[in-house]
Amino acid sequence: MLKLTSVKLLDNLYKQFKIRNLDDSFTLQKLINRSMDLYVNDEKFRKQISEYKNLKVSGSALWEKHFTML
């Protein structure tokens, strides 16, 4: 069974992902599904992802932060 969902992506990062995959059939859906599988089944991967700090705060987090400050 499949679950249809939507996510907000960092625009520049998504553009870089698409450029790297111009000649490849590796899709965003494949990346997400494989990443989720690793996250669920591989403790080392889960820790690495959880501790990764090299990205900007997403739009939804900024939105929540804005309203908690009001």
N, C-alpha and C. Protein backbone atom coordinates (compact mmCIF):
# COMPACT_ATOMS: atom_id res chain seq x y z
N MET A 1 0.84 -1.18 0.00
CA MET A 1 0.00 0.00 0.00
C MET A 1 0.89 1.24 0.00
N LEU A 2 0.44 2.27 -0.66
CA LEU A 2 1.18 3.52 -0.75
C LEU A 2 0.47 4.61 0.03
N LYS A 3 1.23 5.56 0.54
CA LYS A 3 0.70 6.71 1.25
C LYS A 3 1.10 7.97 0.48
N LEU A 4 0.13 8.72 0.01
CA LEU A 4 0.40 9.97 -0.69
C LEU A 4 0.56 11.08 0.34
N THR A 5 1.65 11.81 0.24
CA THR A 5 1.93 12.88 1.19
C THR A 5 2.65 14.01 0.47
N SER A 6 2.79 15.13 1.13
CA SER A 6 3.57 16.22 0.56
C SER A 6 4.55 16.71 1.62
N VAL A 7 5.67 17.19 1.16
CA VAL A 7 6.70 17.71 2.06
C VAL A 7 7.25 19.01 1.50
N LYS A 8 7.76 19.85 2.37
CA LYS A 8 8.43 21.07 1.94
C LYS A 8 9.91 20.76 1.83
N LEU A 9 10.51 21.14 0.72
CA LEU A 9 11.93 20.90 0.48
C LEU A 9 12.67 22.22 0.37
N LEU A 10 13.92 22.20 0.76
CA LEU A 10 14.76 23.37 0.55
C LEU A 10 15.00 23.48 -0.95
N ASP A 11 14.62 24.61 -1.53
CA ASP A 11 14.63 24.79 -2.98
C ASP A 11 16.00 24.52 -3.59
N ASN A 12 17.04 25.13 -3.06
CA ASN A 12 18.37 24.97 -3.63
C ASN A 12 18.86 23.53 -3.53
N LEU A 13 18.58 22.89 -2.42
CA LEU A 13 18.99 21.50 -2.23
C LEU A 13 18.25 20.58 -3.22
N TYR A 14 16.96 20.82 -3.42
CA TYR A 14 16.20 20.02 -4.38
C TYR A 14 16.73 20.22 -5.81
N LYS A 15 17.07 21.45 -6.16
CA LYS A 15 17.64 21.72 -7.48
C LYS A 15 18.94 20.96 -7.67
N GLN A 16 19.79 20.95 -6.63
CA GLN A 16 21.05 20.20 -6.70
C GLN A 16 20.78 18.70 -6.86
N PHE A 17 19.78 18.20 -6.16
CA PHE A 17 19.41 16.79 -6.28
C PHE A 17 18.99 16.47 -7.71
N LYS A 18 18.14 17.31 -8.30
CA LYS A 18 17.68 17.07 -9.68
C LYS A 18 18.84 17.11 -10.67
N ILE A 19 19.76 18.06 -10.49
CA ILE A 19 20.91 18.17 -11.40
C ILE A 19 21.76 16.91 -11.34
N ARG A 20 21.98 16.38 -10.16
CA ARG A 20 22.80 15.17 -10.01
C ARG A 20 22.11 13.94 -10.60
N ASN A 21 20.82 14.02 -10.82
CA ASN A 21 20.08 12.87 -11.31
C ASN A 21 19.56 13.04 -12.72
N LEU A 22 20.15 13.93 -13.49
CA LEU A 22 19.70 14.14 -14.87
C LEU A 22 19.85 12.88 -15.72
N ASP A 23 20.93 12.16 -15.52
CA ASP A 23 21.18 10.95 -16.31
C ASP A 23 20.91 9.67 -15.54
N ASP A 24 20.28 9.79 -14.41
CA ASP A 24 20.06 8.65 -13.53
C ASP A 24 18.56 8.48 -13.30
N SER A 25 18.17 7.29 -12.96
CA SER A 25 16.76 7.05 -12.68
C SER A 25 16.49 7.05 -11.18
N PHE A 26 17.40 7.62 -10.41
CA PHE A 26 17.23 7.67 -8.96
C PHE A 26 16.33 8.85 -8.62
N THR A 27 15.11 8.56 -8.22
CA THR A 27 14.11 9.60 -8.00
C THR A 27 14.05 10.01 -6.53
N LEU A 28 13.37 11.10 -6.29
CA LEU A 28 13.15 11.56 -4.92
C LEU A 28 12.37 10.51 -4.14
N GLN A 29 11.41 9.87 -4.78
CA GLN A 29 10.63 8.83 -4.12
C GLN A 29 11.53 7.67 -3.68
N LYS A 30 12.48 7.26 -4.53
CA LYS A 30 13.42 6.20 -4.16
C LYS A 30 14.27 6.63 -2.97
N LEU A 31 14.74 7.88 -3.01
CA LEU A 31 15.56 8.39 -1.92
C LEU A 31 14.79 8.38 -0.61
N ILE A 32 13.57 8.86 -0.64
CA ILE A 32 12.76 8.93 0.58
C ILE A 32 12.47 7.53 1.11
N ASN A 33 12.03 6.62 0.24
CA ASN A 33 11.71 5.27 0.70
C ASN A 33 12.93 4.55 1.26
N ARG A 34 14.06 4.67 0.60
CA ARG A 34 15.28 4.00 1.08
C ARG A 34 15.78 4.65 2.37
N SER A 35 15.69 5.96 2.43
CA SER A 35 16.11 6.66 3.65
C SER A 35 15.23 6.28 4.84
N MET A 36 13.93 6.21 4.61
CA MET A 36 13.03 5.82 5.70
C MET A 36 13.30 4.39 6.15
N ASP A 37 13.57 3.50 5.20
CA ASP A 37 13.87 2.11 5.56
C ASP A 37 15.15 2.04 6.40
N LEU A 38 16.17 2.77 5.98
CA LEU A 38 17.40 2.80 6.76
C LEU A 38 17.16 3.43 8.14
N TYR A 39 16.38 4.48 8.18
CA TYR A 39 16.10 5.15 9.44
C TYR A 39 15.41 4.21 10.43
N VAL A 40 14.48 3.43 9.93
CA VAL A 40 13.73 2.50 10.78
C VAL A 40 14.59 1.30 11.20
N ASN A 41 15.46 0.82 10.31
CA ASN A 41 16.15 -0.44 10.54
C ASN A 41 17.63 -0.34 10.89
N ASP A 42 18.22 0.82 10.80
CA ASP A 42 19.66 0.96 11.01
C ASP A 42 19.91 2.04 12.06
N GLU A 43 20.26 1.61 13.26
CA GLU A 43 20.45 2.55 14.37
C GLU A 43 21.55 3.57 14.09
N LYS A 44 22.63 3.14 13.45
CA LYS A 44 23.73 4.05 13.13
C LYS A 44 23.27 5.14 12.15
N PHE A 45 22.50 4.75 11.13
CA PHE A 45 21.97 5.71 10.17
C PHE A 45 21.01 6.67 10.87
N ARG A 46 20.13 6.13 11.72
CA ARG A 46 19.15 6.95 12.44
C ARG A 46 19.87 8.00 13.29
N LYS A 47 20.93 7.61 13.98
CA LYS A 47 21.69 8.55 14.80
C LYS A 47 22.36 9.61 13.92
N GLN A 48 22.95 9.16 12.80
CA GLN A 48 23.62 10.09 11.89
C GLN A 48 22.64 11.14 11.36
N ILE A 49 21.47 10.71 10.96
CA ILE A 49 20.45 11.63 10.43
C ILE A 49 19.94 12.56 11.53
N SER A 50 19.69 12.00 12.69
CA SER A 50 19.16 12.80 13.81
C SER A 50 20.13 13.88 14.26
N GLU A 51 21.42 13.62 14.14
CA GLU A 51 22.43 14.57 14.60
C GLU A 51 22.93 15.49 13.49
N TYR A 52 22.47 15.31 12.26
CA TYR A 52 22.93 16.10 11.12
C TYR A 52 22.45 17.55 11.27
N LYS A 53 23.39 18.50 11.22
CA LYS A 53 23.06 19.91 11.47
C LYS A 53 23.47 20.82 10.32
N ASN A 54 23.68 20.30 9.14
CA ASN A 54 24.24 21.09 8.04
C ASN A 54 23.19 21.75 7.15
N LEU A 55 21.93 21.82 7.59
CA LEU A 55 20.87 22.43 6.78
C LEU A 55 20.23 23.59 7.52
N LYS A 56 19.58 24.47 6.76
CA LYS A 56 18.84 25.58 7.34
C LYS A 56 17.53 25.05 7.92
N VAL A 57 16.94 25.86 8.79
CA VAL A 57 15.64 25.52 9.36
C VAL A 57 14.59 25.56 8.26
N SER A 58 13.69 24.60 8.24
CA SER A 58 12.68 24.54 7.19
C SER A 58 11.59 25.59 7.41
N GLY A 59 10.84 25.84 6.38
CA GLY A 59 9.76 26.82 6.43
C GLY A 59 8.74 26.51 7.49
N SER A 60 8.36 25.24 7.65
CA SER A 60 7.35 24.89 8.65
C SER A 60 7.86 25.16 10.06
N ALA A 61 9.15 24.89 10.31
CA ALA A 61 9.72 25.17 11.63
C ALA A 61 9.76 26.67 11.88
N LEU A 62 10.08 27.45 10.85
CA LEU A 62 10.08 28.91 10.99
C LEU A 62 8.67 29.41 11.31
N TRP A 63 7.68 28.84 10.66
CA TRP A 63 6.28 29.20 10.88
C TRP A 63 5.89 28.94 12.33
N GLU A 64 6.22 27.75 12.85
CA GLU A 64 5.89 27.40 14.23
C GLU A 64 6.62 28.31 15.20
N LYS A 65 7.89 28.60 14.93
CA LYS A 65 8.69 29.47 15.80
C LYS A 65 8.07 30.86 15.85
N HIS A 66 7.63 31.37 14.70
CA HIS A 66 7.02 32.69 14.63
C HIS A 66 5.80 32.78 15.54
N PHE A 67 4.92 31.78 15.49
CA PHE A 67 3.68 31.83 16.25
C PHE A 67 3.89 31.54 17.72
N THR A 68 4.93 30.83 18.11
CA THR A 68 5.18 30.61 19.53
C THR A 68 5.78 31.86 20.16
N MET A 69 6.34 32.74 19.34
CA MET A 69 6.92 33.98 19.86
C MET A 69 5.85 35.06 20.04
N LEU A 70 4.70 34.91 19.41
CA LEU A 70 3.65 35.94 19.51
C LEU A 70 2.92 35.89 20.83
